[in-house]
Amino acid sequence: MKNLRRALLNSLAATALLPAFAYSQPAGATIKLALIESLSGAFANTGEAVFRNLLWAVERVNQRGGVKTAQGRRLLELDRYDSKGQNEEALSALRAAIDGGARVILQGNSSATAAALVDAVGKHNERDPANRIVFLNYSAVDPVLTNEKCSFWHFRFDAHADMRVAALMAVLKEDRALKSVYLIGQDYSFGQAVLRESKRQLASLRPDVRVVGDELHPLGRVKDFAPYAVKIQQSGAQAVVTGNWGNDLTLLVKAAREIGFEGKFYTFYGNALGAPAAIGDAGIGKVVAVADWLPNVPTRESEAFYRAFRTRFPRSEDDYVHMRMQLMIEALAQAIERAGTADALPLAVALEQANVTLAGQGGRMRAADHQFQQSLVVGMMDKQGAPGVKFDVEGSGYGFRVIRTIAPAQAEMPHACKMPRPG
């Protein structure tokens, strides 16, 4: 934590040439945000990517003087806790974060962990109303988290799995040559949700497409995906649909490439964390990814935003900026200022009204279920320098051109949330 605080202070010092009024020293103590994420083990790269995004967003808020509260301006402080990819460790980290003074919890990589945290946060807030906390979720996209298991204290800033599947299917349904697909995913709530919704939407939109494989594998434990790749190849599938992320995606697509699979990949996360480099030329025109934003969104504001991130994190391996995480921190800052405090109850009420924009992108929080509503884009992998691919991914020489944009009103879906609200 001390190292992170020093990093924040160094960042402030490095931008000392900005107008002095932006740096009037806030009078109050820092507002502590606790990142609970896999920072070691199989998915450490995903956790570190999240940290970079949140650090940059926090720096941006602090560089303009922090947030205004009834007690004066206050800086944000980002602390990090390693869940080690285990729910038990995440719950232990939650207790440590609360003891350390955090009042905002940030997590996203694993819907199973998010579900455990939603439950634990609710119980804590009921047991200790004087020290309530809110939970901001940037990536845990199991639909139940804003439906049957919705919580007043939980806010999701990523499109949920059903919304993302619908975006992919908007592209897949137009591929009239496609007649067979293989569904594969990680064996936990999110992976199961992706496969379930993919089958439902395929049956509705393309009943002529056969599902020739439907398989789940252990999360984060498979080191050799060759047997899975062989089954995909032998099935005759012309495309794979997967919600895999982290090394589970990179190793899968690498294994498929190595055995000569020539079909398409419709993915949630094929645009980063090693996947493009692992696929290489075999992915050109064949790997499709859905996201809330891509670096090659063709606007000047978007390009400037991406260049600013790469200036802050110049190493190619530190690529992978998430617009939704930036919008999440902007929404948090907006809500604190609207509430005049970081106390959980007024903060949560203010978050329900969040409506933010950044670099030409924006979104609003739907109060009924705490599901952020924003546009989605679908990209196709291609070589850097091809039309629409100004930027590559992680120095790989491959990037994603935007082939479909889904407006917020089109991406929005009904919900089944019946949210108990505090009295």
Protein backbone atom coordinates (compact mmCIF):
# COMPACT_ATOMS: atom_id res chain seq x y z
CA MET A 1 0.00 0.00 0.00
CA LYS A 2 2.84 2.38 0.79
CA ASN A 3 4.32 1.77 -2.65
CA LEU A 4 1.02 2.59 -4.29
CA ARG A 5 0.59 5.75 -2.29
CA ARG A 6 4.10 6.78 -3.29
CA ALA A 7 3.21 6.08 -6.93
CA LEU A 8 0.19 8.33 -6.68
CA LEU A 9 2.22 11.13 -5.12
CA ASN A 10 4.92 10.73 -7.75
CA SER A 11 2.27 10.95 -10.44
CA LEU A 12 1.01 14.18 -8.98
CA ALA A 13 4.52 15.58 -8.83
CA ALA A 14 5.17 14.58 -12.43
CA THR A 15 2.27 16.72 -13.59
CA ALA A 16 3.25 19.80 -11.62
CA LEU A 17 3.28 21.95 -14.74
CA LEU A 18 -0.50 21.85 -14.93
CA PRO A 19 -2.39 24.88 -13.53
CA ALA A 20 -1.74 25.35 -9.85
CA PHE A 21 -5.41 25.53 -8.94
CA ALA A 22 -5.78 21.87 -9.87
CA TYR A 23 -3.49 20.92 -7.02
CA SER A 24 -4.78 22.85 -4.04
CA GLN A 25 -4.20 20.37 -1.25
CA PRO A 26 -7.45 18.64 -0.23
CA ALA A 27 -8.29 19.20 3.42
CA GLY A 28 -9.80 15.79 4.19
CA ALA A 29 -8.28 12.34 4.48
CA THR A 30 -8.05 10.24 1.34
CA ILE A 31 -11.04 8.20 0.22
CA LYS A 32 -9.81 4.62 0.14
CA LEU A 33 -10.68 2.32 -2.74
CA ALA A 34 -9.77 -1.36 -2.41
CA LEU A 35 -9.01 -3.42 -5.51
CA ILE A 36 -9.54 -7.13 -4.78
CA GLU A 37 -8.16 -9.10 -7.70
CA SER A 38 -5.96 -12.00 -8.82
CA LEU A 39 -2.50 -10.43 -8.68
CA SER A 40 -0.64 -13.74 -8.59
CA GLY A 41 -1.18 -17.15 -10.15
CA ALA A 42 -2.72 -18.09 -13.50
CA PHE A 43 -4.62 -14.84 -13.96
CA ALA A 44 -2.10 -12.36 -12.57
CA ASN A 45 -1.84 -10.65 -15.96
CA THR A 46 -5.55 -9.83 -15.92
CA GLY A 47 -5.31 -8.42 -12.40
CA GLU A 48 -2.34 -6.25 -13.24
CA ALA A 49 -4.12 -4.94 -16.35
CA VAL A 50 -7.03 -3.90 -14.15
CA PHE A 51 -4.68 -2.22 -11.70
CA ARG A 52 -3.07 -0.14 -14.45
CA ASN A 53 -6.47 1.01 -15.66
CA LEU A 54 -7.72 1.96 -12.23
CA LEU A 55 -4.45 3.62 -11.26
CA TRP A 56 -4.61 5.80 -14.37
CA ALA A 57 -8.24 6.72 -13.67
CA VAL A 58 -7.50 7.57 -10.03
CA GLU A 59 -4.50 9.65 -11.06
CA ARG A 60 -6.69 11.60 -13.45
CA VAL A 61 -9.18 12.45 -10.69
CA ASN A 62 -6.41 13.39 -8.26
CA GLN A 63 -4.62 15.51 -10.84
CA ARG A 64 -7.65 17.78 -11.01
CA GLY A 65 -7.64 18.19 -7.25
CA GLY A 66 -9.58 15.12 -6.13
CA VAL A 67 -13.30 15.21 -5.37
CA LYS A 68 -15.38 17.91 -3.71
CA THR A 69 -17.13 16.89 -0.50
CA ALA A 70 -18.96 18.76 2.24
CA GLN A 71 -15.69 18.68 4.23
CA GLY A 72 -13.57 19.97 1.34
CA ARG A 73 -11.59 18.33 -1.43
CA ARG A 74 -10.31 14.78 -0.92
CA LEU A 75 -7.96 12.61 -2.95
CA LEU A 76 -8.72 9.04 -3.94
CA GLU A 77 -6.33 6.35 -2.70
CA LEU A 78 -6.18 2.97 -4.45
CA ASP A 79 -5.07 0.00 -2.36
CA ARG A 80 -4.62 -3.46 -3.86
CA TYR A 81 -5.36 -6.86 -2.35
CA ASP A 82 -4.44 -10.19 -3.93
CA SER A 83 -7.31 -12.69 -4.05
CA LYS A 84 -4.98 -15.30 -5.62
CA GLY A 85 -7.90 -16.41 -7.77
CA GLN A 86 -9.70 -17.92 -4.75
CA ASN A 87 -13.04 -16.87 -3.27
CA GLU A 88 -11.82 -17.53 0.27
CA GLU A 89 -8.82 -15.28 -0.27
CA ALA A 90 -11.09 -12.61 -1.76
CA LEU A 91 -13.31 -12.68 1.32
CA SER A 92 -10.26 -12.45 3.55
CA ALA A 93 -9.06 -9.50 1.47
CA LEU A 94 -12.47 -7.86 1.87
CA ARG A 95 -12.17 -8.03 5.66
CA ALA A 96 -8.65 -6.62 5.51
CA ALA A 97 -9.78 -3.82 3.19
CA ILE A 98 -12.62 -2.85 5.51
CA ASP A 99 -10.27 -2.90 8.50
CA GLY A 100 -7.92 -0.71 6.48
CA GLY A 101 -10.60 1.94 6.03
CA ALA A 102 -11.83 1.17 2.50
CA ARG A 103 -15.39 2.19 1.77
CA VAL A 104 -15.41 1.33 -1.94
CA ILE A 105 -14.60 -2.21 -3.13
CA LEU A 106 -13.51 -2.83 -6.73
CA GLN A 107 -13.52 -6.31 -8.32
CA GLY A 108 -14.48 -7.97 -11.57
CA ASN A 109 -12.35 -10.85 -12.85
CA SER A 110 -14.55 -13.81 -11.85
CA SER A 111 -18.30 -13.77 -11.46
CA ALA A 112 -18.06 -16.46 -8.79
CA THR A 113 -15.87 -14.18 -6.69
CA ALA A 114 -18.17 -11.24 -7.37
CA ALA A 115 -21.18 -13.26 -6.17
CA ALA A 116 -19.33 -14.13 -2.96
CA LEU A 117 -18.41 -10.48 -2.43
CA VAL A 118 -21.95 -9.25 -3.12
CA ASP A 119 -23.21 -11.57 -0.40
CA ALA A 120 -20.44 -10.62 2.05
CA VAL A 121 -20.87 -6.87 1.44
CA GLY A 122 -24.60 -7.14 2.04
CA LYS A 123 -24.10 -9.00 5.31
CA HIS A 124 -21.42 -6.56 6.47
CA ASN A 125 -23.62 -3.56 5.72
CA GLU A 126 -26.52 -5.07 7.63
CA ARG A 127 -24.32 -5.97 10.58
CA ASP A 128 -22.36 -2.71 10.73
CA PRO A 129 -24.44 0.13 9.23
CA ALA A 130 -22.02 2.77 10.55
CA ASN A 131 -19.30 1.41 8.27
CA ARG A 132 -21.17 0.39 5.13
CA ILE A 133 -19.35 -0.08 1.83
CA VAL A 134 -20.29 -0.14 -1.86
CA PHE A 135 -19.06 -2.64 -4.44
CA LEU A 136 -18.19 -1.52 -7.98
CA ASN A 137 -17.88 -4.35 -10.50
CA TYR A 138 -16.04 -3.76 -13.78
CA SER A 139 -15.91 -7.25 -15.36
CA ALA A 140 -17.95 -9.92 -13.55
CA VAL A 141 -20.67 -10.40 -16.16
CA ASP A 142 -22.81 -13.29 -14.97
CA PRO A 143 -26.32 -11.91 -15.67
CA VAL A 144 -27.67 -13.01 -12.28
CA LEU A 145 -25.64 -10.31 -10.52
CA THR A 146 -28.04 -7.64 -11.78
CA ASN A 147 -31.05 -9.95 -11.97
CA GLU A 148 -31.95 -12.61 -9.40
CA LYS A 149 -28.97 -11.79 -7.15
CA CYS A 150 -29.00 -8.00 -7.54
CA SER A 151 -28.02 -5.90 -4.53
CA PHE A 152 -28.46 -2.25 -3.64
CA TRP A 153 -24.77 -2.10 -2.73
CA HIS A 154 -23.50 -3.60 -6.02
CA PHE A 155 -23.04 -1.67 -9.29
CA ARG A 156 -21.93 -3.31 -12.54
CA PHE A 157 -20.09 -1.22 -15.16
CA ASP A 158 -19.60 -3.93 -17.79
CA ALA A 159 -22.28 -5.26 -20.12
CA HIS A 160 -23.44 -8.61 -18.79
CA ALA A 161 -22.89 -11.86 -20.66
CA ASP A 162 -26.27 -11.96 -22.38
CA MET A 163 -25.71 -8.42 -23.72
CA ARG A 164 -22.27 -9.35 -25.01
CA VAL A 165 -23.54 -12.56 -26.62
CA ALA A 166 -26.26 -10.55 -28.39
CA ALA A 167 -23.60 -8.22 -29.80
CA LEU A 168 -21.58 -11.16 -31.13
CA MET A 169 -24.70 -12.78 -32.58
CA ALA A 170 -25.53 -9.56 -34.43
CA VAL A 171 -22.40 -10.29 -36.49
CA LEU A 172 -22.53 -14.09 -36.52
CA LYS A 173 -26.12 -14.22 -37.82
CA GLU A 174 -25.06 -12.43 -41.00
CA ASP A 175 -22.41 -15.05 -41.87
CA ARG A 176 -24.65 -17.09 -44.17
CA ALA A 177 -21.86 -19.57 -44.99
CA LEU A 178 -21.64 -20.60 -41.34
CA LYS A 179 -23.39 -23.91 -40.64
CA SER A 180 -21.70 -25.31 -37.50
CA VAL A 181 -20.27 -23.95 -34.25
CA TYR A 182 -18.43 -25.33 -31.22
CA LEU A 183 -19.22 -23.82 -27.82
CA ILE A 184 -16.50 -23.96 -25.18
CA GLY A 185 -16.09 -22.13 -21.90
CA GLN A 186 -14.75 -22.08 -18.37
CA ASP A 187 -16.68 -24.24 -15.92
CA TYR A 188 -18.14 -21.69 -13.54
CA SER A 189 -21.17 -19.39 -13.47
CA PHE A 190 -19.97 -16.98 -16.17
CA GLY A 191 -18.78 -19.63 -18.63
CA GLN A 192 -22.00 -21.55 -18.13
CA ALA A 193 -24.04 -18.39 -18.75
CA VAL A 194 -22.22 -17.67 -22.02
CA LEU A 195 -22.84 -21.15 -23.41
CA ARG A 196 -26.46 -21.19 -22.25
CA GLU A 197 -27.26 -17.82 -23.84
CA SER A 198 -25.29 -18.64 -27.01
CA LYS A 199 -27.39 -21.76 -27.56
CA ARG A 200 -30.60 -19.82 -26.94
CA GLN A 201 -29.74 -17.00 -29.32
CA LEU A 202 -28.40 -19.34 -32.00
CA ALA A 203 -31.65 -21.30 -31.92
CA SER A 204 -33.59 -18.08 -32.32
CA LEU A 205 -31.44 -16.21 -34.85
CA ARG A 206 -29.80 -19.02 -36.83
CA PRO A 207 -31.70 -22.30 -36.36
CA ASP A 208 -29.86 -23.61 -39.43
CA VAL A 209 -26.53 -23.53 -37.54
CA ARG A 210 -25.69 -26.80 -35.76
CA VAL A 211 -23.99 -26.83 -32.36
CA VAL A 212 -21.43 -29.62 -32.89
CA GLY A 213 -19.76 -29.23 -29.49
CA ASP A 214 -20.78 -27.90 -26.09
CA GLU A 215 -18.02 -28.16 -23.52
CA LEU A 216 -16.84 -26.67 -20.23
CA HIS A 217 -13.32 -26.99 -18.83
CA PRO A 218 -11.79 -26.22 -15.40
CA LEU A 219 -11.13 -22.55 -14.76
CA GLY A 220 -7.44 -21.63 -14.82
CA ARG A 221 -6.17 -25.19 -14.44
CA VAL A 222 -5.72 -26.43 -18.02
CA LYS A 223 -2.12 -26.08 -19.18
CA ASP A 224 -2.46 -27.94 -22.49
CA PHE A 225 -5.51 -27.18 -24.64
CA ALA A 226 -4.37 -29.46 -27.48
CA PRO A 227 -6.98 -32.16 -26.65
CA TYR A 228 -9.74 -29.54 -26.76
CA ALA A 229 -8.39 -28.14 -30.03
CA VAL A 230 -8.37 -31.62 -31.56
CA LYS A 231 -12.01 -32.14 -30.59
CA ILE A 232 -12.92 -28.80 -32.14
CA GLN A 233 -11.13 -29.73 -35.35
CA GLN A 234 -12.64 -33.20 -35.51
CA SER A 235 -16.16 -31.86 -34.91
CA GLY A 236 -16.10 -30.07 -38.24
CA ALA A 237 -16.98 -26.77 -36.57
CA GLN A 238 -16.62 -23.71 -38.76
CA ALA A 239 -16.50 -21.38 -35.75
CA VAL A 240 -15.92 -21.38 -32.00
CA VAL A 241 -17.91 -19.27 -29.54
CA THR A 242 -16.16 -18.73 -26.19
CA GLY A 243 -16.23 -16.43 -23.20
CA ASN A 244 -12.75 -17.59 -22.11
CA TRP A 245 -10.44 -14.95 -20.70
CA GLY A 246 -6.83 -14.67 -19.56
CA ASN A 247 -4.54 -17.63 -20.19
CA ASP A 248 -7.55 -19.89 -20.75
CA LEU A 249 -8.23 -17.95 -23.94
CA THR A 250 -4.63 -17.48 -25.06
CA LEU A 251 -3.77 -21.18 -24.66
CA LEU A 252 -6.97 -22.27 -26.37
CA VAL A 253 -6.51 -20.18 -29.51
CA LYS A 254 -2.80 -21.00 -29.64
CA ALA A 255 -3.57 -24.72 -29.54
CA ALA A 256 -6.20 -24.34 -32.25
CA ARG A 257 -3.75 -22.48 -34.47
CA GLU A 258 -1.06 -25.11 -33.97
CA ILE A 259 -3.27 -27.96 -35.19
CA GLY A 260 -4.42 -25.96 -38.20
CA PHE A 261 -7.98 -24.99 -37.22
CA GLU A 262 -9.16 -22.49 -39.83
CA GLY A 263 -12.53 -21.51 -38.44
CA LYS A 264 -13.57 -18.27 -36.81
CA PHE A 265 -13.45 -17.45 -33.12
CA TYR A 266 -16.30 -15.37 -31.70
CA THR A 267 -14.92 -14.16 -28.37
CA PHE A 268 -15.52 -11.89 -25.42
CA TYR A 269 -11.82 -11.14 -24.93
CA GLY A 270 -9.92 -12.12 -28.08
CA ASN A 271 -8.57 -8.60 -28.45
CA ALA A 272 -5.94 -8.63 -25.71
CA LEU A 273 -3.74 -10.30 -23.09
CA GLY A 274 -1.62 -12.31 -25.48
CA ALA A 275 -4.35 -13.70 -27.71
CA PRO A 276 -3.57 -11.77 -30.94
CA ALA A 277 0.14 -12.59 -30.73
CA ALA A 278 -0.67 -16.25 -30.06
CA ILE A 279 -3.00 -16.46 -33.05
CA GLY A 280 -0.85 -14.57 -35.55
CA ASP A 281 -1.79 -14.39 -39.21
CA ALA A 282 -4.25 -17.25 -38.74
CA GLY A 283 -6.56 -14.81 -36.95
CA ILE A 284 -6.79 -12.20 -39.69
CA GLY A 285 -10.45 -11.91 -40.62
CA LYS A 286 -11.28 -14.82 -38.31
CA VAL A 287 -11.14 -13.61 -34.72
CA VAL A 288 -14.08 -11.50 -33.58
CA ALA A 289 -14.20 -9.74 -30.21
CA VAL A 290 -16.91 -7.76 -28.43
CA ALA A 291 -16.01 -4.89 -26.09
CA ASP A 292 -17.36 -1.68 -24.63
CA TRP A 293 -14.69 0.18 -26.65
CA LEU A 294 -11.70 -0.58 -28.86
CA PRO A 295 -8.58 1.55 -29.55
CA ASN A 296 -9.49 1.76 -33.24
CA VAL A 297 -12.87 3.39 -32.67
CA PRO A 298 -12.62 5.95 -35.50
CA THR A 299 -12.87 9.26 -33.64
CA ARG A 300 -10.26 11.86 -32.71
CA GLU A 301 -11.32 11.82 -29.07
CA SER A 302 -10.91 8.06 -28.88
CA GLU A 303 -7.50 8.19 -30.52
CA ALA A 304 -6.29 10.90 -28.12
CA PHE A 305 -7.56 8.87 -25.16
CA TYR A 306 -5.67 5.78 -26.28
CA ARG A 307 -2.48 7.70 -27.01
CA ALA A 308 -2.64 9.23 -23.52
CA PHE A 309 -2.86 5.77 -21.96
CA ARG A 310 0.10 4.51 -23.99
CA THR A 311 2.10 7.57 -22.93
CA ARG A 312 1.36 6.75 -19.29
CA PHE A 313 2.16 3.04 -19.81
CA PRO A 314 4.59 2.90 -22.77
CA ARG A 315 5.68 -0.75 -22.52
CA SER A 316 3.88 -2.88 -25.12
CA GLU A 317 3.08 -5.53 -22.51
CA ASP A 318 1.22 -2.92 -20.46
CA ASP A 319 -1.38 -2.38 -23.18
CA TYR A 320 -5.12 -3.16 -22.77
CA VAL A 321 -7.01 -0.08 -21.64
CA HIS A 322 -10.66 -0.47 -20.63
CA MET A 323 -12.95 2.47 -21.24
CA ARG A 324 -15.56 1.09 -18.83
CA MET A 325 -13.08 1.19 -15.94
CA GLN A 326 -12.33 4.82 -16.68
CA LEU A 327 -16.05 5.59 -16.81
CA MET A 328 -16.54 3.70 -13.54
CA ILE A 329 -14.06 5.90 -11.66
CA GLU A 330 -15.53 9.01 -13.29
CA ALA A 331 -18.99 7.86 -12.15
CA LEU A 332 -17.65 7.30 -8.64
CA ALA A 333 -16.12 10.79 -8.53
CA GLN A 334 -19.32 12.29 -9.89
CA ALA A 335 -21.41 10.44 -7.28
CA ILE A 336 -19.18 11.46 -4.36
CA GLU A 337 -19.48 15.10 -5.40
CA ARG A 338 -23.24 14.81 -5.87
CA ALA A 339 -23.62 13.16 -2.45
CA GLY A 340 -21.06 15.45 -0.81
CA THR A 341 -19.63 12.41 0.94
CA ALA A 342 -18.20 8.92 0.42
CA ASP A 343 -20.56 7.44 3.02
CA ALA A 344 -22.11 4.35 1.46
CA LEU A 345 -25.84 5.08 1.57
CA PRO A 346 -25.84 8.56 0.02
CA LEU A 347 -23.06 7.46 -2.32
CA ALA A 348 -25.10 4.49 -3.56
CA VAL A 349 -28.15 6.71 -4.11
CA ALA A 350 -25.99 9.11 -6.11
CA LEU A 351 -24.43 6.27 -8.12
CA GLU A 352 -27.91 5.27 -9.24
CA GLN A 353 -28.03 8.61 -11.08
CA ALA A 354 -24.56 8.34 -12.64
CA ASN A 355 -24.36 9.64 -16.20
CA VAL A 356 -20.80 10.15 -17.45
CA THR A 357 -18.85 10.78 -20.63
CA LEU A 358 -15.16 10.55 -21.44
CA ALA A 359 -13.35 10.82 -24.78
CA GLY A 360 -16.60 10.71 -26.68
CA GLN A 361 -17.80 7.57 -24.89
CA GLY A 362 -20.42 7.53 -22.18
CA GLY A 363 -22.98 5.64 -20.20
CA ARG A 364 -25.59 5.83 -17.48
CA MET A 365 -26.46 3.67 -14.52
CA ARG A 366 -29.90 2.04 -14.58
CA ALA A 367 -31.21 2.52 -11.05
CA ALA A 368 -33.61 -0.42 -11.16
CA ASP A 369 -30.88 -3.07 -11.29
CA HIS A 370 -27.56 -1.16 -11.11
CA GLN A 371 -26.57 -2.28 -14.62
CA PHE A 372 -24.54 0.35 -16.50
CA GLN A 373 -25.94 1.07 -19.96
CA GLN A 374 -23.39 1.88 -22.66
CA SER A 375 -22.59 1.23 -26.30
CA LEU A 376 -20.80 -1.95 -27.39
CA VAL A 377 -18.51 -2.54 -30.36
CA VAL A 378 -17.54 -5.68 -32.24
CA GLY A 379 -14.08 -5.85 -33.81
CA MET A 380 -12.39 -8.09 -36.37
CA MET A 381 -8.71 -8.96 -36.08
CA ASP A 382 -6.42 -7.65 -38.82
CA LYS A 383 -2.84 -6.53 -39.37
CA GLN A 384 -1.83 -3.14 -38.06
CA GLY A 385 -1.88 -0.69 -40.95
CA ALA A 386 -4.84 -2.31 -42.66
CA PRO A 387 -7.83 0.02 -43.15
CA GLY A 388 -9.34 0.83 -39.75
CA VAL A 389 -6.41 -0.65 -37.78
CA LYS A 390 -4.17 2.24 -36.78
CA PHE A 391 -3.26 0.62 -33.46
CA ASP A 392 -2.14 -2.91 -32.70
CA VAL A 393 -2.46 -4.85 -29.44
CA GLU A 394 0.49 -5.30 -27.09
CA GLY A 395 3.01 -4.69 -29.88
CA SER A 396 1.81 -7.83 -31.67
CA GLY A 397 1.37 -6.20 -35.06
CA TYR A 398 -2.32 -7.14 -35.00
CA GLY A 399 -5.29 -5.03 -33.99
CA PHE A 400 -9.07 -4.93 -34.28
CA ARG A 401 -11.09 -2.83 -36.68
CA VAL A 402 -14.60 -1.95 -35.62
CA ILE A 403 -17.18 -3.79 -37.73
CA ARG A 404 -20.31 -3.14 -35.67
CA THR A 405 -21.40 -0.57 -33.11
CA ILE A 406 -24.38 -1.31 -30.88
CA ALA A 407 -25.99 1.77 -29.34
CA PRO A 408 -26.96 1.69 -25.64
CA ALA A 409 -30.66 1.43 -26.46
CA GLN A 410 -29.96 -1.61 -28.65
CA ALA A 411 -27.65 -3.25 -26.12
CA GLU A 412 -30.05 -2.76 -23.20
CA MET A 413 -31.98 -5.82 -21.99
CA PRO A 414 -34.88 -6.33 -19.57
CA HIS A 415 -34.04 -7.32 -16.00
CA ALA A 416 -35.58 -9.46 -13.27
CA CYS A 417 -34.11 -7.55 -10.31
CA LYS A 418 -36.27 -7.14 -7.21
CA MET A 419 -33.86 -5.13 -5.13
CA PRO A 420 -34.38 -4.78 -1.37
CA ARG A 421 -33.47 -1.20 -0.47
CA PRO A 422 -32.23 -0.04 2.94
CA GLY A 423 -34.77 1.77 5.07
